[in-house]
Protein backbone atom coordinates (compact mmCIF):
# COMPACT_ATOMS: atom_id res chain seq x y z
CA UNK A 1 -5.55 -19.81 -14.98
CA UNK A 2 -5.93 -23.01 -13.00
CA UNK A 3 -3.89 -23.54 -9.92
CA UNK A 4 -3.86 -25.66 -6.85
CA UNK A 5 -3.81 -24.27 -3.34
CA UNK A 6 -3.65 -25.97 -0.02
CA UNK A 7 -5.94 -24.76 2.74
CA UNK A 8 -5.88 -25.59 6.43
CA UNK A 9 -8.59 -28.13 7.23
CA UNK A 10 -10.42 -25.59 9.40
CA UNK A 11 -10.43 -22.97 6.67
CA UNK A 12 -11.61 -25.49 4.06
CA UNK A 13 -14.49 -26.66 6.31
CA UNK A 14 -15.57 -23.11 7.02
CA UNK A 15 -15.29 -22.16 3.36
CA UNK A 16 -17.53 -25.10 2.31
CA UNK A 17 -20.02 -24.14 4.92
CA UNK A 18 -20.48 -20.59 3.72
CA UNK A 19 -19.76 -20.70 0.00
CA UNK A 20 -21.49 -22.99 -2.49
CA UNK A 21 -19.09 -25.48 -4.18
CA UNK A 22 -19.42 -23.93 -7.64
CA UNK A 23 -18.61 -20.43 -6.32
CA UNK A 24 -15.49 -21.11 -4.30
CA UNK A 25 -13.05 -20.01 -7.05
CA UNK A 26 -14.93 -16.68 -7.49
CA UNK A 27 -14.99 -16.19 -3.72
CA UNK A 28 -11.27 -16.79 -3.37
CA UNK A 29 -10.57 -14.63 -6.39
CA UNK A 30 -12.42 -11.70 -4.89
CA UNK A 31 -10.67 -12.03 -1.51
CA UNK A 32 -7.22 -12.21 -3.06
CA UNK A 33 -7.87 -9.29 -5.30
CA UNK A 34 -9.12 -7.23 -2.26
CA UNK A 35 -5.98 -8.15 -0.26
CA UNK A 36 -3.73 -7.28 -3.18
CA UNK A 37 -5.41 -3.85 -3.52
CA UNK A 38 -5.02 -3.31 0.24
CA UNK A 39 -1.36 -4.09 0.12
CA UNK A 40 -0.75 -1.87 -2.87
CA UNK A 41 -2.59 0.98 -1.20
CA UNK A 42 -0.48 0.64 1.92
CA UNK A 43 2.66 0.63 -0.25
CA UNK A 44 1.51 3.75 -2.14
CA UNK A 45 0.73 5.56 1.08
CA UNK A 46 4.24 4.66 2.46
CA UNK A 47 5.88 5.95 -0.82
CA UNK A 48 3.83 9.13 -0.60
CA UNK A 49 4.93 9.65 3.04
CA UNK A 50 8.58 9.13 2.02
CA UNK A 51 8.15 11.59 -0.86
CA UNK A 52 6.54 14.14 1.32
CA UNK A 53 9.33 13.92 3.90
CA UNK A 54 12.00 14.17 1.16
CA UNK A 55 10.16 17.14 -0.30
CA UNK A 56 9.88 18.82 3.07
CA UNK A 57 13.68 18.38 3.62
CA UNK A 58 14.42 19.81 0.21
CA UNK A 59 12.28 22.79 0.87
CA UNK A 60 13.92 23.36 4.23
CA UNK A 61 17.38 23.28 2.67
CA UNK A 62 16.17 25.69 -0.10
CA UNK A 63 14.67 28.06 2.44
CA UNK A 64 17.93 28.05 4.44
CA UNK A 65 19.88 28.92 1.27
CA UNK A 66 17.49 31.76 0.45
CA UNK A 67 17.68 33.02 4.06
CA UNK A 68 21.46 33.37 3.70
CA UNK A 69 21.17 35.19 0.37
CA UNK A 70 18.34 37.44 1.60
CA UNK A 71 20.20 38.39 4.71
CA UNK A 72 23.43 39.22 2.96
CA UNK A 73 22.12 42.28 1.15
CA UNK A 74 20.40 43.74 4.23
CA UNK A 75 23.21 43.87 6.67
């Protein structure tokens, strides 16, 4: 896919100084892919944290229910 992007002058100058002209697209592609993977990983970690907390709360409620049932027969 071909697309046009606008870079700050400073970024464009630095990019041209460190990356050969014919490899700029590949360089930008790699950087964007790495950033996307980083964002997706952070999102996954956040979802896992939320799931862990929800699971912990469910277990706590279940344990409380079992405590009531267990204690009833032993009084």
